[in-house]
Amino acid sequence: MAKLGRNEPCHCLSGKKHKNCCLDKDAAQTSARLAKEAEHNRSSFEFSHPPADAWDDDGFTEASNAVVDLANAGKLDEAEAAAHALLVDFPDMVDGLERLGMVHEKLGNYKISADYYRKALGFIEEFPDGFEDASKDYYKNKIAKLDPQAA
């Protein structure tokens, strides 16, 4: 199916604009598909990066920065897959959640983005060592901006 614009009529034929109908559901399905692909098909992601033993600190910094670079280059599907891979490879770091929030924000999936920022906030509240109060404030502000009704 071709990618629909936010203001185009929804593909479900409800007569509503896509953004007011199935956008969030479609984005969640795409996100779930990409997460599954990242988890089950790691080799396609690893081709674009040097071997893990070539990275400092087990490749965490470079993998995290790669998500930002892909997102800034407009390669949002690749950035999302890389962020899911970051979560799989480094589950004890908050960056995967934060990067997924950033990617979905760029995609215009604000509720999904806010959900990832909520998870990141929950992570740093559960494991506060090494985090400053500014980190909590950052996520709280993002959530309030992206999903004001739930905040």
N, C-alpha and C. Protein backbone atom coordinates (compact mmCIF):
# COMPACT_ATOMS: atom_id res chain seq x y z
N MET A 1 0.84 -1.17 0.00
CA MET A 1 0.00 0.00 0.00
C MET A 1 0.89 1.24 0.00
N ALA A 2 0.56 2.22 -0.82
CA ALA A 2 1.31 3.46 -0.88
C ALA A 2 1.14 4.22 0.43
N LYS A 3 2.16 4.98 0.79
CA LYS A 3 2.12 5.74 2.03
C LYS A 3 1.16 6.92 1.87
N LEU A 4 0.23 7.02 2.81
CA LEU A 4 -0.78 8.09 2.77
C LEU A 4 -0.25 9.32 3.49
N GLY A 5 -0.62 10.47 2.99
CA GLY A 5 -0.33 11.71 3.70
C GLY A 5 -1.32 11.88 4.83
N ARG A 6 -0.96 12.68 5.81
CA ARG A 6 -1.81 12.89 6.98
C ARG A 6 -3.17 13.47 6.62
N ASN A 7 -3.22 14.32 5.61
CA ASN A 7 -4.46 15.02 5.27
C ASN A 7 -5.24 14.37 4.14
N GLU A 8 -4.78 13.22 3.68
CA GLU A 8 -5.50 12.51 2.63
C GLU A 8 -6.64 11.71 3.25
N PRO A 9 -7.66 11.37 2.43
CA PRO A 9 -8.74 10.52 2.96
C PRO A 9 -8.18 9.18 3.43
N CYS A 10 -8.73 8.67 4.51
CA CYS A 10 -8.24 7.42 5.09
C CYS A 10 -8.52 6.24 4.16
N HIS A 11 -7.63 5.29 4.18
CA HIS A 11 -7.74 4.10 3.32
C HIS A 11 -8.88 3.18 3.73
N CYS A 12 -9.41 3.36 4.95
CA CYS A 12 -10.49 2.49 5.39
C CYS A 12 -11.86 2.94 4.87
N LEU A 13 -11.85 4.04 4.10
CA LEU A 13 -13.06 4.59 3.47
C LEU A 13 -14.07 5.15 4.47
N SER A 14 -13.59 5.58 5.64
CA SER A 14 -14.48 6.16 6.64
C SER A 14 -14.95 7.55 6.26
N GLY A 15 -14.23 8.19 5.33
CA GLY A 15 -14.54 9.57 4.95
C GLY A 15 -13.77 10.58 5.75
N LYS A 16 -13.03 10.13 6.77
CA LYS A 16 -12.22 11.02 7.60
C LYS A 16 -10.83 11.17 7.00
N LYS A 17 -10.13 12.22 7.44
CA LYS A 17 -8.73 12.34 7.07
C LYS A 17 -7.94 11.24 7.76
N HIS A 18 -6.87 10.80 7.11
CA HIS A 18 -6.04 9.73 7.65
C HIS A 18 -5.55 10.05 9.06
N LYS A 19 -5.16 11.31 9.33
CA LYS A 19 -4.63 11.68 10.65
C LYS A 19 -5.69 11.57 11.74
N ASN A 20 -6.96 11.67 11.38
CA ASN A 20 -8.03 11.60 12.36
C ASN A 20 -8.67 10.22 12.43
N CYS A 21 -8.11 9.27 11.71
CA CYS A 21 -8.74 7.95 11.65
C CYS A 21 -7.74 6.85 11.98
N CYS A 22 -7.00 6.38 11.01
CA CYS A 22 -6.15 5.19 11.17
C CYS A 22 -4.66 5.49 11.29
N LEU A 23 -4.25 6.75 11.32
CA LEU A 23 -2.82 7.07 11.34
C LEU A 23 -2.09 6.43 12.51
N ASP A 24 -2.61 6.59 13.73
CA ASP A 24 -1.94 6.02 14.90
C ASP A 24 -1.88 4.50 14.83
N LYS A 25 -2.98 3.88 14.40
CA LYS A 25 -3.02 2.42 14.28
C LYS A 25 -2.01 1.95 13.24
N ASP A 26 -1.97 2.61 12.10
CA ASP A 26 -1.04 2.25 11.04
C ASP A 26 0.41 2.42 11.50
N ALA A 27 0.68 3.51 12.23
CA ALA A 27 2.03 3.76 12.73
C ALA A 27 2.43 2.70 13.73
N ALA A 28 1.51 2.29 14.60
CA ALA A 28 1.80 1.25 15.59
C ALA A 28 2.09 -0.08 14.90
N GLN A 29 1.33 -0.40 13.85
CA GLN A 29 1.57 -1.63 13.11
C GLN A 29 2.94 -1.60 12.42
N THR A 30 3.29 -0.46 11.84
CA THR A 30 4.59 -0.33 11.19
C THR A 30 5.70 -0.46 12.22
N SER A 31 5.53 0.17 13.36
CA SER A 31 6.54 0.10 14.41
C SER A 31 6.72 -1.33 14.90
N ALA A 32 5.61 -2.05 15.09
CA ALA A 32 5.70 -3.44 15.53
C ALA A 32 6.39 -4.30 14.48
N ARG A 33 6.07 -4.06 13.22
CA ARG A 33 6.71 -4.83 12.15
C ARG A 33 8.21 -4.57 12.11
N LEU A 34 8.60 -3.31 12.23
CA LEU A 34 10.02 -2.98 12.20
C LEU A 34 10.75 -3.54 13.42
N ALA A 35 10.10 -3.54 14.57
CA ALA A 35 10.72 -4.11 15.77
C ALA A 35 10.95 -5.60 15.59
N LYS A 36 9.97 -6.27 15.01
CA LYS A 36 10.10 -7.71 14.77
C LYS A 36 11.21 -7.99 13.77
N GLU A 37 11.27 -7.19 12.71
CA GLU A 37 12.33 -7.36 11.71
C GLU A 37 13.71 -7.12 12.34
N ALA A 38 13.82 -6.09 13.17
CA ALA A 38 15.10 -5.78 13.80
C ALA A 38 15.54 -6.90 14.72
N GLU A 39 14.58 -7.48 15.42
CA GLU A 39 14.92 -8.54 16.37
C GLU A 39 15.23 -9.86 15.66
N HIS A 40 14.48 -10.18 14.62
CA HIS A 40 14.62 -11.48 13.97
C HIS A 40 15.52 -11.49 12.75
N ASN A 41 15.86 -10.33 12.25
CA ASN A 41 16.68 -10.27 11.04
C ASN A 41 17.83 -9.30 11.26
N ARG A 42 18.67 -9.58 12.23
CA ARG A 42 19.73 -8.68 12.64
C ARG A 42 20.77 -8.48 11.53
N SER A 43 20.99 -9.44 10.69
CA SER A 43 22.07 -9.34 9.72
C SER A 43 21.89 -8.17 8.76
N SER A 44 20.66 -7.83 8.40
CA SER A 44 20.47 -6.72 7.46
C SER A 44 20.88 -5.39 8.07
N PHE A 45 20.72 -5.24 9.38
CA PHE A 45 21.15 -4.01 10.04
C PHE A 45 22.67 -3.99 10.21
N GLU A 46 23.24 -5.10 10.56
CA GLU A 46 24.66 -5.16 10.88
C GLU A 46 25.54 -4.89 9.67
N PHE A 47 25.05 -5.09 8.46
CA PHE A 47 25.85 -4.81 7.28
C PHE A 47 26.26 -3.35 7.17
N SER A 48 25.45 -2.45 7.70
CA SER A 48 25.75 -1.04 7.56
C SER A 48 26.68 -0.52 8.67
N HIS A 49 27.13 -1.37 9.55
CA HIS A 49 27.97 -0.96 10.67
C HIS A 49 29.20 -1.85 10.75
N PRO A 50 30.30 -1.33 11.30
CA PRO A 50 31.47 -2.18 11.50
C PRO A 50 31.17 -3.25 12.54
N PRO A 51 31.96 -4.31 12.59
CA PRO A 51 31.74 -5.35 13.60
C PRO A 51 31.79 -4.75 15.00
N ALA A 52 31.01 -5.35 15.91
CA ALA A 52 30.92 -4.81 17.27
C ALA A 52 32.28 -4.70 17.95
N ASP A 53 33.21 -5.62 17.67
CA ASP A 53 34.51 -5.55 18.34
C ASP A 53 35.35 -4.38 17.84
N ALA A 54 34.92 -3.72 16.77
CA ALA A 54 35.65 -2.55 16.27
C ALA A 54 35.18 -1.27 16.95
N TRP A 55 34.10 -1.34 17.72
CA TRP A 55 33.55 -0.16 18.38
C TRP A 55 34.14 0.02 19.76
N ASP A 56 34.28 1.26 20.15
CA ASP A 56 34.57 1.55 21.56
C ASP A 56 33.30 1.26 22.33
N ASP A 57 33.42 0.99 23.58
CA ASP A 57 32.31 0.70 24.51
C ASP A 57 31.26 -0.22 23.89
N ASP A 58 31.70 -1.27 23.24
CA ASP A 58 30.84 -2.29 22.64
C ASP A 58 29.91 -1.74 21.56
N GLY A 59 30.21 -0.58 21.01
CA GLY A 59 29.44 -0.04 19.90
C GLY A 59 28.23 0.77 20.30
N PHE A 60 28.00 0.93 21.59
CA PHE A 60 26.81 1.64 22.03
C PHE A 60 26.75 3.07 21.50
N THR A 61 27.80 3.84 21.70
CA THR A 61 27.79 5.25 21.30
C THR A 61 27.57 5.40 19.80
N GLU A 62 28.28 4.61 19.04
CA GLU A 62 28.13 4.72 17.58
C GLU A 62 26.75 4.28 17.12
N ALA A 63 26.22 3.22 17.72
CA ALA A 63 24.88 2.75 17.34
C ALA A 63 23.82 3.78 17.71
N SER A 64 23.96 4.39 18.87
CA SER A 64 23.01 5.41 19.30
C SER A 64 23.08 6.63 18.38
N ASN A 65 24.29 7.07 18.08
CA ASN A 65 24.46 8.22 17.19
C ASN A 65 24.00 7.92 15.77
N ALA A 66 24.13 6.67 15.35
CA ALA A 66 23.70 6.28 14.00
C ALA A 66 22.20 6.50 13.82
N VAL A 67 21.43 6.25 14.88
CA VAL A 67 19.98 6.48 14.80
C VAL A 67 19.70 7.96 14.53
N VAL A 68 20.39 8.82 15.26
CA VAL A 68 20.21 10.27 15.09
C VAL A 68 20.62 10.68 13.67
N ASP A 69 21.75 10.16 13.21
CA ASP A 69 22.21 10.50 11.86
C ASP A 69 21.21 10.07 10.80
N LEU A 70 20.67 8.85 10.92
CA LEU A 70 19.68 8.37 9.96
C LEU A 70 18.43 9.23 10.00
N ALA A 71 17.98 9.57 11.19
CA ALA A 71 16.77 10.40 11.32
C ALA A 71 16.99 11.78 10.73
N ASN A 72 18.13 12.36 11.00
CA ASN A 72 18.43 13.70 10.46
C ASN A 72 18.59 13.68 8.95
N ALA A 73 18.95 12.52 8.40
CA ALA A 73 19.08 12.38 6.95
C ALA A 73 17.73 12.07 6.30
N GLY A 74 16.68 11.97 7.12
CA GLY A 74 15.36 11.68 6.58
C GLY A 74 15.11 10.22 6.31
N LYS A 75 15.99 9.35 6.75
CA LYS A 75 15.84 7.90 6.57
C LYS A 75 15.15 7.33 7.80
N LEU A 76 13.87 7.68 7.94
CA LEU A 76 13.16 7.41 9.19
C LEU A 76 12.84 5.94 9.40
N ASP A 77 12.54 5.19 8.34
CA ASP A 77 12.31 3.76 8.51
C ASP A 77 13.59 3.06 8.98
N GLU A 78 14.72 3.44 8.38
CA GLU A 78 16.00 2.87 8.80
C GLU A 78 16.34 3.29 10.22
N ALA A 79 16.05 4.54 10.55
CA ALA A 79 16.32 5.04 11.90
C ALA A 79 15.49 4.28 12.92
N GLU A 80 14.23 4.01 12.59
CA GLU A 80 13.38 3.27 13.52
C GLU A 80 13.89 1.84 13.72
N ALA A 81 14.28 1.19 12.62
CA ALA A 81 14.83 -0.16 12.74
C ALA A 81 16.12 -0.16 13.57
N ALA A 82 16.96 0.84 13.36
CA ALA A 82 18.21 0.95 14.11
C ALA A 82 17.93 1.22 15.59
N ALA A 83 16.90 2.01 15.89
CA ALA A 83 16.55 2.28 17.28
C ALA A 83 16.03 1.02 17.96
N HIS A 84 15.23 0.22 17.25
CA HIS A 84 14.78 -1.05 17.81
C HIS A 84 15.97 -1.98 18.05
N ALA A 85 16.91 -1.99 17.11
CA ALA A 85 18.11 -2.80 17.30
C ALA A 85 18.91 -2.32 18.51
N LEU A 86 18.96 -1.01 18.71
CA LEU A 86 19.65 -0.44 19.87
C LEU A 86 19.01 -0.94 21.16
N LEU A 87 17.69 -1.00 21.18
CA LEU A 87 16.98 -1.53 22.35
C LEU A 87 17.32 -2.99 22.60
N VAL A 88 17.40 -3.77 21.54
CA VAL A 88 17.70 -5.19 21.67
C VAL A 88 19.14 -5.38 22.15
N ASP A 89 20.07 -4.64 21.55
CA ASP A 89 21.49 -4.81 21.86
C ASP A 89 21.90 -4.20 23.20
N PHE A 90 21.22 -3.14 23.61
CA PHE A 90 21.59 -2.42 24.84
C PHE A 90 20.34 -2.16 25.68
N PRO A 91 19.71 -3.23 26.20
CA PRO A 91 18.46 -3.06 26.94
C PRO A 91 18.62 -2.32 28.27
N ASP A 92 19.86 -2.22 28.75
CA ASP A 92 20.09 -1.54 30.02
C ASP A 92 20.40 -0.05 29.84
N MET A 93 20.17 0.46 28.65
CA MET A 93 20.39 1.88 28.35
C MET A 93 19.06 2.50 27.91
N VAL A 94 18.86 3.76 28.23
CA VAL A 94 17.61 4.45 27.91
C VAL A 94 17.58 4.94 26.46
N ASP A 95 18.71 4.97 25.80
CA ASP A 95 18.80 5.60 24.47
C ASP A 95 17.86 5.00 23.43
N GLY A 96 17.66 3.69 23.44
CA GLY A 96 16.77 3.09 22.46
C GLY A 96 15.36 3.65 22.55
N LEU A 97 14.87 3.81 23.77
CA LEU A 97 13.54 4.38 23.98
C LEU A 97 13.50 5.83 23.54
N GLU A 98 14.53 6.58 23.93
CA GLU A 98 14.58 8.00 23.56
C GLU A 98 14.67 8.17 22.05
N ARG A 99 15.47 7.34 21.41
CA ARG A 99 15.63 7.44 19.95
C ARG A 99 14.32 7.08 19.24
N LEU A 100 13.60 6.08 19.74
CA LEU A 100 12.31 5.75 19.13
C LEU A 100 11.32 6.90 19.30
N GLY A 101 11.36 7.55 20.44
CA GLY A 101 10.53 8.74 20.64
C GLY A 101 10.86 9.82 19.63
N MET A 102 12.16 10.03 19.41
CA MET A 102 12.62 11.05 18.47
C MET A 102 12.16 10.72 17.04
N VAL A 103 12.32 9.45 16.63
CA VAL A 103 11.95 9.05 15.27
C VAL A 103 10.45 9.22 15.06
N HIS A 104 9.65 8.78 16.01
CA HIS A 104 8.20 8.90 15.85
C HIS A 104 7.76 10.36 15.89
N GLU A 105 8.48 11.18 16.63
CA GLU A 105 8.18 12.61 16.62
C GLU A 105 8.41 13.18 15.22
N LYS A 106 9.52 12.78 14.58
CA LYS A 106 9.81 13.25 13.23
C LYS A 106 8.79 12.71 12.22
N LEU A 107 8.26 11.51 12.49
CA LEU A 107 7.24 10.92 11.61
C LEU A 107 5.88 11.57 11.80
N GLY A 108 5.72 12.34 12.85
CA GLY A 108 4.43 12.96 13.14
C GLY A 108 3.51 12.05 13.95
N ASN A 109 4.05 10.96 14.47
CA ASN A 109 3.29 10.03 15.31
C ASN A 109 3.45 10.45 16.76
N TYR A 110 2.78 11.53 17.13
CA TYR A 110 3.05 12.18 18.41
C TYR A 110 2.64 11.35 19.61
N LYS A 111 1.54 10.65 19.54
CA LYS A 111 1.13 9.83 20.68
C LYS A 111 2.11 8.67 20.89
N ILE A 112 2.54 8.05 19.82
CA ILE A 112 3.51 6.96 19.93
C ILE A 112 4.83 7.50 20.45
N SER A 113 5.22 8.66 19.95
CA SER A 113 6.44 9.30 20.43
C SER A 113 6.35 9.56 21.93
N ALA A 114 5.24 10.12 22.37
CA ALA A 114 5.05 10.40 23.79
C ALA A 114 5.10 9.11 24.61
N ASP A 115 4.56 8.03 24.07
CA ASP A 115 4.61 6.75 24.79
C ASP A 115 6.06 6.28 24.98
N TYR A 116 6.89 6.44 23.95
CA TYR A 116 8.30 6.06 24.11
C TYR A 116 9.00 6.97 25.11
N TYR A 117 8.67 8.27 25.10
CA TYR A 117 9.25 9.17 26.09
C TYR A 117 8.77 8.81 27.50
N ARG A 118 7.52 8.35 27.63
CA ARG A 118 7.03 7.90 28.94
C ARG A 118 7.83 6.69 29.42
N LYS A 119 8.10 5.77 28.51
CA LYS A 119 8.89 4.60 28.87
C LYS A 119 10.31 5.00 29.28
N ALA A 120 10.88 5.97 28.56
CA ALA A 120 12.21 6.46 28.92
C ALA A 120 12.19 7.11 30.30
N LEU A 121 11.17 7.90 30.57
CA LEU A 121 11.03 8.52 31.89
C LEU A 121 10.89 7.45 32.97
N GLY A 122 10.08 6.45 32.70
CA GLY A 122 9.93 5.34 33.65
C GLY A 122 11.25 4.63 33.90
N PHE A 123 12.03 4.48 32.85
CA PHE A 123 13.34 3.83 32.97
C PHE A 123 14.24 4.62 33.92
N ILE A 124 14.33 5.94 33.71
CA ILE A 124 15.25 6.71 34.55
C ILE A 124 14.69 6.89 35.97
N GLU A 125 13.38 6.79 36.13
CA GLU A 125 12.82 6.82 37.49
C GLU A 125 13.11 5.51 38.21
N GLU A 126 13.13 4.41 37.47
CA GLU A 126 13.43 3.11 38.07
C GLU A 126 14.92 2.94 38.34
N PHE A 127 15.76 3.51 37.48
CA PHE A 127 17.22 3.41 37.61
C PHE A 127 17.81 4.82 37.62
N PRO A 128 17.65 5.56 38.71
CA PRO A 128 18.03 6.99 38.72
C PRO A 128 19.53 7.27 38.75
N ASP A 129 20.35 6.27 39.06
CA ASP A 129 21.80 6.52 39.13
C ASP A 129 22.32 7.02 37.79
N GLY A 130 23.05 8.12 37.84
CA GLY A 130 23.66 8.68 36.64
C GLY A 130 22.76 9.65 35.88
N PHE A 131 21.53 9.84 36.34
CA PHE A 131 20.62 10.77 35.68
C PHE A 131 20.38 11.99 36.56
N GLU A 132 20.31 13.14 35.94
CA GLU A 132 20.02 14.37 36.66
C GLU A 132 18.52 14.66 36.56
N ASP A 133 18.04 15.55 37.41
CA ASP A 133 16.63 15.94 37.35
C ASP A 133 16.28 16.55 36.00
N ALA A 134 17.25 17.15 35.34
CA ALA A 134 17.01 17.74 34.02
C ALA A 134 16.57 16.68 33.01
N SER A 135 17.04 15.45 33.17
CA SER A 135 16.61 14.37 32.27
C SER A 135 15.13 14.09 32.44
N LYS A 136 14.68 14.03 33.69
CA LYS A 136 13.25 13.82 33.94
C LYS A 136 12.43 14.97 33.37
N ASP A 137 12.90 16.20 33.59
CA ASP A 137 12.19 17.37 33.08
C ASP A 137 12.11 17.35 31.56
N TYR A 138 13.20 16.93 30.91
CA TYR A 138 13.23 16.84 29.44
C TYR A 138 12.10 15.93 28.95
N TYR A 139 12.00 14.74 29.53
CA TYR A 139 10.99 13.79 29.09
C TYR A 139 9.58 14.27 29.45
N LYS A 140 9.42 14.84 30.62
CA LYS A 140 8.10 15.37 31.01
C LYS A 140 7.65 16.46 30.04
N ASN A 141 8.56 17.34 29.65
CA ASN A 141 8.22 18.41 28.70
C ASN A 141 7.88 17.84 27.33
N LYS A 142 8.64 16.85 26.88
CA LYS A 142 8.35 16.21 25.59
C LYS A 142 6.95 15.59 25.61
N ILE A 143 6.64 14.87 26.68
CA ILE A 143 5.34 14.21 26.81
C ILE A 143 4.21 15.24 26.79
N ALA A 144 4.39 16.31 27.57
CA ALA A 144 3.36 17.35 27.64
C ALA A 144 3.14 18.02 26.29
N LYS A 145 4.22 18.19 25.54
CA LYS A 145 4.12 18.83 24.22
C LYS A 145 3.46 17.91 23.20
N LEU A 146 3.82 16.63 23.22
CA LEU A 146 3.38 15.70 22.19
C LEU A 146 2.02 15.07 22.47
N ASP A 147 1.65 14.95 23.72
CA ASP A 147 0.39 14.33 24.08
C ASP A 147 -0.23 15.10 25.24
N PRO A 148 -0.62 16.35 24.99
CA PRO A 148 -1.07 17.22 26.09
C PRO A 148 -2.30 16.72 26.82
N GLN A 149 -3.16 15.99 26.15
CA GLN A 149 -4.37 15.50 26.80
C GLN A 149 -4.06 14.45 27.86
N ALA A 150 -3.06 13.63 27.61
CA ALA A 150 -2.70 12.57 28.54
C ALA A 150 -1.76 13.06 29.64
N ALA A 151 -1.07 14.16 29.39
CA ALA A 151 -0.08 14.66 30.35
C ALA A 151 -0.69 15.31 31.53
